[in-house]
Amino acid sequence: MPTRLGLLDYAFFALMLAAGVGTALFVTRNPSWADAGIPPIVWPIGVAFAFDLASVAVRRGGMPPLAMPIRAVGVIGAMALYTLLQGRL
């Protein structure tokens, strides 16, 4: 039985897509960051972690947490966008 996506899920997807595009745009305009200690392709994981911490603080039991498949799709989508857009912006 499929589950319905909530507002938190849509906000997460939007943030992750913005993180993928933003990372690609930033690295394209600042190529020296492409060789950073933490590769830019994994920066969206940090964004997802920050979102998760913020959502825990905000929801305080009122909303269900993000499901792991939703997190995985969001992070993989952001990484795919970064890979596709890198150097094209």
N, C-alpha and C. Protein backbone atom coordinates (compact mmCIF):
# COMPACT_ATOMS: atom_id res chain seq x y z
N MET A 1 0.84 -1.18 0.00
CA MET A 1 0.00 0.00 0.00
C MET A 1 0.89 1.24 0.00
N PRO A 2 0.76 2.08 -1.01
CA PRO A 2 1.61 3.27 -1.08
C PRO A 2 1.24 4.27 0.00
N THR A 3 2.26 4.95 0.47
CA THR A 3 2.03 5.97 1.49
C THR A 3 1.93 7.34 0.82
N ARG A 4 1.17 8.20 1.45
CA ARG A 4 1.02 9.55 0.92
C ARG A 4 2.19 10.38 1.41
N LEU A 5 2.66 11.25 0.54
CA LEU A 5 3.75 12.14 0.90
C LEU A 5 3.19 13.34 1.64
N GLY A 6 3.88 13.76 2.66
CA GLY A 6 3.45 14.90 3.44
C GLY A 6 4.22 16.16 3.07
N LEU A 7 3.89 17.24 3.73
CA LEU A 7 4.53 18.53 3.48
C LEU A 7 6.03 18.45 3.74
N LEU A 8 6.43 17.75 4.79
CA LEU A 8 7.84 17.61 5.12
C LEU A 8 8.60 16.89 4.01
N ASP A 9 7.97 15.90 3.40
CA ASP A 9 8.59 15.16 2.31
C ASP A 9 8.82 16.06 1.10
N TYR A 10 7.81 16.84 0.74
CA TYR A 10 7.94 17.75 -0.39
C TYR A 10 8.98 18.84 -0.13
N ALA A 11 9.03 19.33 1.10
CA ALA A 11 10.03 20.33 1.46
C ALA A 11 11.43 19.72 1.34
N PHE A 12 11.59 18.47 1.77
CA PHE A 12 12.88 17.80 1.68
C PHE A 12 13.30 17.64 0.22
N PHE A 13 12.38 17.17 -0.63
CA PHE A 13 12.70 17.02 -2.05
C PHE A 13 13.12 18.35 -2.67
N ALA A 14 12.37 19.40 -2.38
CA ALA A 14 12.69 20.71 -2.95
C ALA A 14 14.07 21.18 -2.47
N LEU A 15 14.35 21.00 -1.19
CA LEU A 15 15.65 21.40 -0.66
C LEU A 15 16.77 20.60 -1.31
N MET A 16 16.57 19.31 -1.48
CA MET A 16 17.63 18.49 -2.05
C MET A 16 17.87 18.82 -3.53
N LEU A 17 16.81 19.11 -4.27
CA LEU A 17 17.01 19.52 -5.66
C LEU A 17 17.75 20.85 -5.72
N ALA A 18 17.39 21.76 -4.83
CA ALA A 18 18.10 23.05 -4.77
C ALA A 18 19.55 22.84 -4.35
N ALA A 19 19.81 21.89 -3.46
CA ALA A 19 21.18 21.61 -3.03
C ALA A 19 22.01 21.07 -4.19
N GLY A 20 21.44 20.20 -4.99
CA GLY A 20 22.16 19.67 -6.15
C GLY A 20 22.49 20.75 -7.17
N VAL A 21 21.51 21.57 -7.48
CA VAL A 21 21.73 22.65 -8.45
C VAL A 21 22.69 23.70 -7.86
N GLY A 22 22.49 24.04 -6.60
CA GLY A 22 23.34 25.03 -5.95
C GLY A 22 24.78 24.58 -5.86
N THR A 23 25.00 23.32 -5.54
CA THR A 23 26.36 22.79 -5.47
C THR A 23 27.02 22.83 -6.84
N ALA A 24 26.30 22.42 -7.86
CA ALA A 24 26.85 22.45 -9.22
C ALA A 24 27.18 23.88 -9.64
N LEU A 25 26.29 24.81 -9.35
CA LEU A 25 26.52 26.21 -9.69
C LEU A 25 27.73 26.77 -8.95
N PHE A 26 27.82 26.47 -7.66
CA PHE A 26 28.94 26.97 -6.85
C PHE A 26 30.27 26.41 -7.35
N VAL A 27 30.33 25.11 -7.61
CA VAL A 27 31.59 24.49 -8.04
C VAL A 27 31.95 24.92 -9.46
N THR A 28 30.95 25.16 -10.29
CA THR A 28 31.24 25.63 -11.65
C THR A 28 31.85 27.03 -11.61
N ARG A 29 31.36 27.88 -10.73
CA ARG A 29 31.88 29.25 -10.63
C ARG A 29 33.15 29.35 -9.80
N ASN A 30 33.41 28.35 -8.96
CA ASN A 30 34.61 28.30 -8.13
C ASN A 30 35.28 26.94 -8.29
N PRO A 31 35.96 26.72 -9.41
CA PRO A 31 36.50 25.38 -9.71
C PRO A 31 37.50 24.86 -8.69
N SER A 32 38.13 25.72 -7.93
CA SER A 32 39.09 25.24 -6.94
C SER A 32 38.42 24.40 -5.85
N TRP A 33 37.12 24.59 -5.64
CA TRP A 33 36.38 23.81 -4.63
C TRP A 33 36.10 22.39 -5.09
N ALA A 34 36.31 22.10 -6.37
CA ALA A 34 36.07 20.75 -6.86
C ALA A 34 37.02 19.74 -6.21
N ASP A 35 38.17 20.22 -5.76
CA ASP A 35 39.16 19.35 -5.11
C ASP A 35 39.18 19.55 -3.60
N ALA A 36 38.06 19.93 -3.03
CA ALA A 36 37.98 20.17 -1.58
C ALA A 36 38.19 18.87 -0.81
N GLY A 37 38.49 19.00 0.47
CA GLY A 37 38.70 17.82 1.32
C GLY A 37 37.49 16.91 1.33
N ILE A 38 36.30 17.49 1.32
CA ILE A 38 35.06 16.72 1.18
C ILE A 38 34.55 17.00 -0.23
N PRO A 39 34.51 15.99 -1.08
CA PRO A 39 34.10 16.21 -2.47
C PRO A 39 32.69 16.81 -2.56
N PRO A 40 32.49 17.74 -3.49
CA PRO A 40 31.19 18.39 -3.61
C PRO A 40 30.03 17.44 -3.88
N ILE A 41 30.29 16.29 -4.45
CA ILE A 41 29.19 15.38 -4.73
C ILE A 41 28.54 14.86 -3.45
N VAL A 42 29.24 14.89 -2.33
CA VAL A 42 28.65 14.43 -1.08
C VAL A 42 28.13 15.58 -0.20
N TRP A 43 28.27 16.81 -0.65
CA TRP A 43 27.73 17.95 0.11
C TRP A 43 26.24 17.82 0.37
N PRO A 44 25.44 17.30 -0.59
CA PRO A 44 24.00 17.16 -0.30
C PRO A 44 23.71 16.27 0.91
N ILE A 45 24.62 15.36 1.25
CA ILE A 45 24.40 14.55 2.46
C ILE A 45 24.42 15.45 3.69
N GLY A 46 25.31 16.43 3.71
CA GLY A 46 25.35 17.39 4.81
C GLY A 46 24.08 18.23 4.87
N VAL A 47 23.57 18.61 3.72
CA VAL A 47 22.31 19.36 3.68
C VAL A 47 21.16 18.51 4.21
N ALA A 48 21.14 17.25 3.82
CA ALA A 48 20.09 16.34 4.30
C ALA A 48 20.18 16.16 5.82
N PHE A 49 21.40 16.06 6.33
CA PHE A 49 21.59 15.91 7.77
C PHE A 49 21.10 17.16 8.52
N ALA A 50 21.45 18.34 7.99
CA ALA A 50 21.00 19.58 8.63
C ALA A 50 19.48 19.69 8.59
N PHE A 51 18.86 19.30 7.48
CA PHE A 51 17.40 19.32 7.38
C PHE A 51 16.78 18.37 8.40
N ASP A 52 17.38 17.19 8.53
CA ASP A 52 16.86 16.21 9.47
C ASP A 52 16.93 16.72 10.90
N LEU A 53 18.04 17.33 11.27
CA LEU A 53 18.17 17.89 12.61
C LEU A 53 17.15 19.00 12.84
N ALA A 54 16.99 19.87 11.86
CA ALA A 54 16.03 20.97 11.99
C ALA A 54 14.60 20.45 12.07
N SER A 55 14.28 19.44 11.29
CA SER A 55 12.91 18.92 11.31
C SER A 55 12.61 18.22 12.63
N VAL A 56 13.59 17.59 13.23
CA VAL A 56 13.39 16.97 14.54
C VAL A 56 13.09 18.05 15.57
N ALA A 57 13.83 19.15 15.51
CA ALA A 57 13.63 20.23 16.47
C ALA A 57 12.26 20.89 16.29
N VAL A 58 11.81 21.00 15.05
CA VAL A 58 10.55 21.70 14.77
C VAL A 58 9.33 20.82 15.05
N ARG A 59 9.40 19.57 14.65
CA ARG A 59 8.19 18.75 14.72
C ARG A 59 7.84 18.31 16.14
N ARG A 60 8.80 18.04 16.99
CA ARG A 60 8.58 17.66 18.39
C ARG A 60 7.41 16.70 18.58
N GLY A 61 7.40 15.66 17.77
CA GLY A 61 6.39 14.63 17.92
C GLY A 61 5.12 14.88 17.14
N GLY A 62 4.95 16.04 16.53
CA GLY A 62 3.72 16.34 15.82
C GLY A 62 3.65 15.78 14.42
N MET A 63 4.80 15.53 13.81
CA MET A 63 4.84 15.03 12.44
C MET A 63 5.69 13.77 12.42
N PRO A 64 5.39 12.85 11.52
CA PRO A 64 6.22 11.65 11.44
C PRO A 64 7.59 11.99 10.84
N PRO A 65 8.62 11.26 11.20
CA PRO A 65 9.95 11.52 10.63
C PRO A 65 9.99 11.12 9.16
N LEU A 66 11.00 11.61 8.46
CA LEU A 66 11.19 11.24 7.06
C LEU A 66 11.52 9.75 6.98
N ALA A 67 10.92 9.08 6.04
CA ALA A 67 11.22 7.67 5.82
C ALA A 67 12.55 7.55 5.07
N MET A 68 13.24 6.46 5.30
CA MET A 68 14.54 6.26 4.66
C MET A 68 14.47 6.27 3.14
N PRO A 69 13.46 5.66 2.50
CA PRO A 69 13.39 5.74 1.04
C PRO A 69 13.28 7.18 0.52
N ILE A 70 12.57 8.03 1.26
CA ILE A 70 12.44 9.43 0.85
C ILE A 70 13.79 10.12 0.96
N ARG A 71 14.51 9.85 2.03
CA ARG A 71 15.85 10.43 2.18
C ARG A 71 16.76 9.96 1.05
N ALA A 72 16.71 8.67 0.76
CA ALA A 72 17.59 8.12 -0.27
C ALA A 72 17.30 8.73 -1.64
N VAL A 73 16.03 8.83 -1.99
CA VAL A 73 15.66 9.41 -3.29
C VAL A 73 16.09 10.87 -3.37
N GLY A 74 15.90 11.61 -2.30
CA GLY A 74 16.29 13.02 -2.28
C GLY A 74 17.78 13.21 -2.44
N VAL A 75 18.58 12.46 -1.68
CA VAL A 75 20.04 12.59 -1.74
C VAL A 75 20.57 12.11 -3.09
N ILE A 76 20.08 10.99 -3.57
CA ILE A 76 20.53 10.48 -4.87
C ILE A 76 20.13 11.44 -5.98
N GLY A 77 18.93 12.02 -5.89
CA GLY A 77 18.51 13.00 -6.89
C GLY A 77 19.40 14.23 -6.88
N ALA A 78 19.78 14.70 -5.70
CA ALA A 78 20.66 15.87 -5.61
C ALA A 78 22.04 15.55 -6.19
N MET A 79 22.54 14.36 -5.90
CA MET A 79 23.85 13.97 -6.44
C MET A 79 23.79 13.81 -7.96
N ALA A 80 22.69 13.28 -8.45
CA ALA A 80 22.53 13.13 -9.90
C ALA A 80 22.46 14.50 -10.57
N LEU A 81 21.71 15.43 -9.98
CA LEU A 81 21.65 16.77 -10.54
C LEU A 81 23.02 17.43 -10.55
N TYR A 82 23.76 17.28 -9.46
CA TYR A 82 25.11 17.85 -9.41
C TYR A 82 25.96 17.28 -10.54
N THR A 83 25.91 15.95 -10.71
CA THR A 83 26.72 15.31 -11.74
C THR A 83 26.31 15.77 -13.13
N LEU A 84 25.01 15.88 -13.38
CA LEU A 84 24.54 16.29 -14.71
C LEU A 84 24.84 17.74 -15.01
N LEU A 85 24.76 18.60 -14.00
CA LEU A 85 24.91 20.03 -14.24
C LEU A 85 26.31 20.56 -14.05
N GLN A 86 27.19 19.79 -13.47
CA GLN A 86 28.54 20.27 -13.21
C GLN A 86 29.22 20.68 -14.51
N GLY A 87 29.68 21.90 -14.55
CA GLY A 87 30.36 22.43 -15.72
C GLY A 87 29.45 22.91 -16.83
N ARG A 88 28.14 22.73 -16.70
CA ARG A 88 27.20 23.15 -17.74
C ARG A 88 26.52 24.46 -17.39
N LEU A 89 26.68 24.92 -16.16
CA LEU A 89 26.00 26.16 -15.75
C LEU A 89 26.87 27.36 -15.98
